[in-house]
Amino acid sequence: MFFDFGVKDAIDIILVALLLYYIYRLMRVSRSLNVFIGIMVFVVVWLFVSHVLEMKLMGAILDKVVSVGVIGIVILFQDDIRKFLYNLGAHRKVANLVNFFTSAKRREERQKNQKNDAVMPIVRACQNMARGKVGALIVLERHKSLDEVVLTGDVIDAAVNQRLIENIFFKNSPLHDGGMVITRNRIRAAACILPVSHDLNIPKEYGLRHRAALGISQETDALAVVVSEETGRISIAIGGELRARLSAEDLESILTQEMADVRV
């Protein structure tokens, strides 16, 4: 087998490795990484039993499981597959995908050295709103798109600005209800409707803003910053967990750390 190894086989292995790595990234963003690992373990066991040990009965059973499992995977990950095919059909996305494989290391180094200009205006705005007990809910997009959430609100598409954030959440502003979505240093929309968490373990003192922040952080990888209208306390929801009673320094540190790997 090794004597017949040629250029075509090398290209075949490289393409499969790139495909698996892209699927791994897609699963990690959609918070389905454990499922991906489980599938890969099953595939390895299936290949080992069928082609190495040549167990005919067990191999036949696993072959049937694989044939049915493909349909199950399509049903389970239909949303991710739909987004993948949509991105594949967009020429700009295809170019971005090629650039990811050809210049990923260079892009990562550039992102590490690039300052996220949106952090400090958000921190200062939250600090002022907390002082005046002005309620606010700010959602920062990371890797998973929030396009569907943006469509539920009023599109703004403006650079992140402290005064603009404070004016939007001013009590008499028509946009103060709902959430603000920020993507790559731009305020995309305000008054957005967010999914509300129905977790029964959430303390009763947390209101609708906190439940909405937890809800969007459970369904996506976004960060959700909350300023309580009743207490003026600042909180942030990450991965379905709420970190409460943050100072301005705490908020700045968390945002800087969590947004460090986001392309701006």
Protein backbone atom coordinates (compact mmCIF):
# COMPACT_ATOMS: atom_id res chain seq x y z
CA MET A 1 0.00 0.00 0.00
CA PHE A 2 2.77 2.43 0.93
CA PHE A 3 4.76 1.70 -2.26
CA ASP A 4 1.76 2.81 -4.39
CA PHE A 5 1.40 6.10 -2.50
CA GLY A 6 1.47 8.99 -5.00
CA VAL A 7 0.71 12.68 -5.44
CA LYS A 8 -2.98 12.00 -5.96
CA ASP A 9 -3.16 10.16 -2.64
CA ALA A 10 -1.42 13.05 -0.87
CA ILE A 11 -3.90 15.54 -2.34
CA ASP A 12 -6.75 13.24 -1.31
CA ILE A 13 -5.54 13.14 2.31
CA ILE A 14 -5.03 16.93 2.43
CA LEU A 15 -8.55 17.61 1.10
CA VAL A 16 -10.12 15.22 3.62
CA ALA A 17 -8.13 16.84 6.45
CA LEU A 18 -9.26 20.33 5.38
CA LEU A 19 -12.87 19.16 5.14
CA LEU A 20 -12.77 17.62 8.62
CA TYR A 21 -11.16 20.75 10.06
CA TYR A 22 -13.81 23.01 8.56
CA ILE A 23 -16.57 20.73 9.89
CA TYR A 24 -14.84 20.88 13.29
CA ARG A 25 -14.92 24.70 13.21
CA LEU A 26 -18.57 24.69 12.16
CA MET A 27 -19.49 22.33 15.02
CA ARG A 28 -17.50 24.35 17.54
CA VAL A 29 -19.29 27.55 16.60
CA SER A 30 -22.71 25.87 16.75
CA ARG A 31 -21.86 24.33 20.15
CA SER A 32 -22.12 20.76 18.75
CA LEU A 33 -18.48 19.82 19.24
CA ASN A 34 -19.23 16.81 21.47
CA VAL A 35 -21.55 15.39 18.81
CA PHE A 36 -18.82 15.82 16.18
CA ILE A 37 -16.28 14.01 18.38
CA GLY A 38 -18.77 11.19 18.98
CA ILE A 39 -19.37 10.79 15.25
CA MET A 40 -15.64 10.68 14.53
CA VAL A 41 -15.09 8.01 17.21
CA PHE A 42 -17.90 5.92 15.72
CA VAL A 43 -16.43 6.24 12.20
CA VAL A 44 -13.00 5.12 13.44
CA VAL A 45 -14.52 2.10 15.20
CA TRP A 46 -16.57 1.26 12.11
CA LEU A 47 -13.52 1.37 9.79
CA PHE A 48 -11.44 -0.64 12.24
CA VAL A 49 -14.06 -3.37 12.63
CA SER A 50 -14.99 -3.58 8.94
CA HIS A 51 -11.64 -3.17 7.18
CA VAL A 52 -8.97 -4.09 9.71
CA LEU A 53 -10.49 -6.88 11.78
CA GLU A 54 -12.83 -7.86 8.89
CA MET A 55 -15.65 -8.91 11.22
CA LYS A 56 -18.40 -9.59 8.72
CA LEU A 57 -21.40 -9.73 11.06
CA MET A 58 -20.44 -6.71 13.16
CA GLY A 59 -19.33 -4.89 10.01
CA ALA A 60 -22.70 -5.52 8.36
CA ILE A 61 -24.54 -4.19 11.42
CA LEU A 62 -22.40 -1.06 11.56
CA ASP A 63 -22.86 -0.56 7.81
CA LYS A 64 -26.63 -0.46 8.33
CA VAL A 65 -26.23 1.93 11.28
CA VAL A 66 -24.08 4.24 9.15
CA SER A 67 -26.55 4.23 6.25
CA VAL A 68 -29.41 5.19 8.58
CA GLY A 69 -27.21 7.53 10.64
CA VAL A 70 -26.53 9.77 7.65
CA ILE A 71 -30.24 10.62 7.50
CA GLY A 72 -30.24 11.27 11.25
CA ILE A 73 -27.26 13.62 10.94
CA VAL A 74 -28.99 15.56 8.16
CA ILE A 75 -32.08 15.99 10.36
CA LEU A 76 -30.07 16.86 13.47
CA PHE A 77 -27.87 19.46 11.80
CA GLN A 78 -30.27 20.76 9.16
CA ASP A 79 -29.79 24.40 10.20
CA ASP A 80 -25.99 24.11 10.14
CA ILE A 81 -26.06 22.32 6.78
CA ARG A 82 -28.37 24.99 5.36
CA LYS A 83 -26.02 27.78 6.48
CA PHE A 84 -23.01 25.87 5.13
CA LEU A 85 -24.61 25.46 1.70
CA TYR A 86 -25.70 29.11 1.70
CA ASN A 87 -22.17 30.25 2.48
CA LEU A 88 -20.81 27.88 -0.17
CA GLY A 89 -23.10 29.40 -2.79
CA ALA A 90 -22.06 32.99 -2.07
CA HIS A 91 -18.95 33.94 -4.04
CA ARG A 92 -17.70 36.24 -1.30
CA LYS A 93 -18.04 33.47 1.26
CA VAL A 94 -16.19 31.04 -0.97
CA ALA A 95 -13.34 33.50 -1.23
CA ASN A 96 -13.32 33.90 2.55
CA LEU A 97 -13.24 30.13 2.94
CA VAL A 98 -10.23 29.86 0.62
CA ASN A 99 -8.51 32.69 2.46
CA PHE A 100 -9.11 30.90 5.72
CA PHE A 101 -7.11 27.87 4.61
CA THR A 102 -4.37 29.84 2.86
CA SER A 103 -3.75 32.68 5.32
CA ALA A 104 -5.27 31.62 8.65
CA LYS A 105 -2.06 32.01 10.61
CA ARG A 106 -1.33 35.46 9.20
CA ARG A 107 -4.88 36.60 9.90
CA GLU A 108 -4.77 35.34 13.49
CA GLU A 109 -1.54 37.23 14.17
CA ARG A 110 -3.04 40.40 12.73
CA GLN A 111 -6.18 40.03 14.85
CA LYS A 112 -4.17 39.58 18.04
CA ASN A 113 -2.38 42.87 17.42
CA GLN A 114 -5.55 44.72 16.43
CA LYS A 115 -7.34 46.64 19.19
CA ASN A 116 -11.06 46.22 19.54
CA ASP A 117 -12.22 49.85 19.42
CA ALA A 118 -15.76 48.93 20.47
CA VAL A 119 -14.92 47.84 24.02
CA MET A 120 -14.25 51.17 25.73
CA PRO A 121 -17.31 53.04 24.37
CA ILE A 122 -19.49 50.15 25.56
CA VAL A 123 -17.84 50.12 28.99
CA ARG A 124 -18.16 53.89 29.46
CA ALA A 125 -21.77 53.89 28.28
CA CYS A 126 -22.67 51.04 30.65
CA GLN A 127 -20.88 52.83 33.49
CA ASN A 128 -22.90 56.01 32.93
CA MET A 129 -26.18 54.15 32.47
CA ALA A 130 -25.54 52.14 35.64
CA ARG A 131 -24.94 55.38 37.53
CA GLY A 132 -28.26 56.77 36.29
CA LYS A 133 -30.10 53.41 36.58
CA VAL A 134 -30.92 53.32 32.88
CA GLY A 135 -31.78 49.83 31.70
CA ALA A 136 -29.82 48.46 28.75
CA LEU A 137 -29.21 45.21 26.89
CA ILE A 138 -26.26 45.04 24.49
CA VAL A 139 -25.49 41.89 22.48
CA LEU A 140 -22.06 41.47 20.90
CA GLU A 141 -21.86 39.04 17.99
CA ARG A 142 -18.86 36.73 17.94
CA HIS A 143 -18.56 33.78 15.54
CA LYS A 144 -22.19 32.76 15.09
CA SER A 145 -24.26 35.14 12.98
CA LEU A 146 -27.08 37.15 14.58
CA ASP A 147 -28.73 38.10 11.27
CA GLU A 148 -32.06 36.63 12.34
CA VAL A 149 -32.04 38.68 15.54
CA VAL A 150 -31.14 41.86 13.65
CA LEU A 151 -34.19 41.43 11.42
CA THR A 152 -36.49 41.69 14.46
CA GLY A 153 -35.29 45.22 15.32
CA ASP A 154 -34.59 48.57 13.67
CA VAL A 155 -31.44 48.63 11.55
CA ILE A 156 -28.99 51.40 12.45
CA ASP A 157 -25.58 50.43 11.00
CA ALA A 158 -23.47 53.03 12.79
CA ALA A 159 -20.04 53.05 14.37
CA VAL A 160 -19.99 52.17 18.07
CA ASN A 161 -20.24 55.42 19.98
CA GLN A 162 -20.75 56.03 23.69
CA ARG A 163 -23.27 58.85 23.29
CA LEU A 164 -25.22 56.96 20.65
CA ILE A 165 -25.55 53.94 22.95
CA GLU A 166 -26.72 56.12 25.84
CA ASN A 167 -29.23 57.97 23.65
CA ILE A 168 -30.69 54.74 22.31
CA PHE A 169 -31.30 53.38 25.82
CA PHE A 170 -32.55 56.70 27.21
CA LYS A 171 -35.90 56.08 28.90
CA ASN A 172 -37.86 58.29 26.49
CA SER A 173 -36.18 56.85 23.39
CA PRO A 174 -38.44 54.73 21.14
CA LEU A 175 -35.58 52.21 20.77
CA HIS A 176 -34.77 51.66 24.44
CA ASP A 177 -36.84 48.46 24.69
CA GLY A 178 -35.26 45.29 23.36
CA GLY A 179 -31.62 44.55 22.66
CA MET A 180 -28.90 46.31 20.71
CA VAL A 181 -26.77 44.14 18.41
CA ILE A 182 -23.13 45.06 17.78
CA THR A 183 -21.12 43.33 15.07
CA ARG A 184 -17.48 44.08 14.26
CA ASN A 185 -17.37 47.52 15.87
CA ARG A 186 -20.70 48.62 14.38
CA ILE A 187 -24.13 48.99 15.90
CA ARG A 188 -26.25 46.98 13.50
CA ALA A 189 -29.68 47.31 15.08
CA ALA A 190 -31.62 48.28 18.20
CA ALA A 191 -34.95 47.28 19.76
CA CYS A 192 -34.27 43.66 18.74
CA ILE A 193 -36.36 40.81 20.11
CA LEU A 194 -34.24 38.20 21.87
CA PRO A 195 -35.08 34.64 22.92
CA VAL A 196 -35.94 34.46 26.62
CA SER A 197 -34.47 31.77 28.84
CA HIS A 198 -37.03 29.65 30.68
CA ASP A 199 -34.54 28.20 33.14
CA LEU A 200 -36.36 27.74 36.47
CA ASN A 201 -33.13 28.21 38.41
CA ILE A 202 -32.80 31.88 37.46
CA PRO A 203 -33.15 34.03 40.62
CA LYS A 204 -36.44 35.90 40.82
CA GLU A 205 -34.78 39.29 41.19
CA TYR A 206 -33.60 39.07 37.58
CA GLY A 207 -36.02 40.64 35.12
CA LEU A 208 -36.80 40.21 31.45
CA ARG A 209 -33.54 41.80 30.28
CA HIS A 210 -31.47 39.27 32.23
CA ARG A 211 -33.58 36.37 30.96
CA ALA A 212 -33.21 37.62 27.38
CA ALA A 213 -29.44 37.96 27.86
CA LEU A 214 -29.25 34.38 29.13
CA GLY A 215 -31.48 33.19 26.28
CA ILE A 216 -29.34 34.66 23.49
CA SER A 217 -26.15 33.40 25.16
CA GLN A 218 -27.62 29.89 25.35
CA GLU A 219 -28.64 29.76 21.69
CA THR A 220 -25.54 31.49 20.29
CA ASP A 221 -21.96 32.28 21.31
CA ALA A 222 -22.75 35.98 21.66
CA LEU A 223 -22.02 38.10 24.72
CA ALA A 224 -24.94 39.96 26.32
CA VAL A 225 -24.28 42.92 28.61
CA VAL A 226 -27.13 43.98 30.90
CA VAL A 227 -27.58 47.16 32.94
CA SER A 228 -30.34 46.77 35.52
CA GLU A 229 -32.91 49.55 35.61
CA GLU A 230 -33.83 48.71 39.21
CA THR A 231 -30.37 48.36 40.79
CA GLY A 232 -28.00 49.89 38.25
CA ARG A 233 -25.81 46.79 38.40
CA ILE A 234 -23.90 45.57 35.36
CA SER A 235 -24.02 41.89 34.36
CA ILE A 236 -22.86 39.85 31.38
CA ALA A 237 -24.20 36.54 30.04
CA ILE A 238 -21.71 34.14 28.46
CA GLY A 239 -22.55 30.60 27.36
CA GLY A 240 -25.79 30.53 29.36
CA GLU A 241 -24.13 31.74 32.56
CA LEU A 242 -24.63 35.16 34.15
CA ARG A 243 -21.80 37.08 35.78
CA ALA A 244 -23.37 39.75 37.96
CA ARG A 245 -22.28 42.85 39.90
CA LEU A 246 -19.44 43.77 37.59
CA SER A 247 -17.39 46.93 37.86
CA ALA A 248 -16.36 48.90 34.79
CA GLU A 249 -12.89 47.35 35.06
CA ASP A 250 -14.38 43.84 35.24
CA LEU A 251 -16.53 44.48 32.18
CA GLU A 252 -13.60 45.85 30.20
CA SER A 253 -11.45 42.86 31.09
CA ILE A 254 -14.13 40.32 30.15
CA LEU A 255 -15.02 41.99 26.85
CA THR A 256 -11.38 42.36 25.86
CA GLN A 257 -10.65 38.72 26.62
CA GLU A 258 -13.80 37.24 25.08
CA MET A 259 -13.66 39.37 21.92
CA ALA A 260 -9.93 38.87 21.33
CA ASP A 261 -10.42 36.16 18.69
CA VAL A 262 -13.27 37.92 16.86
CA ARG A 263 -12.46 39.39 13.46
CA VAL A 264 -13.12 43.13 13.47
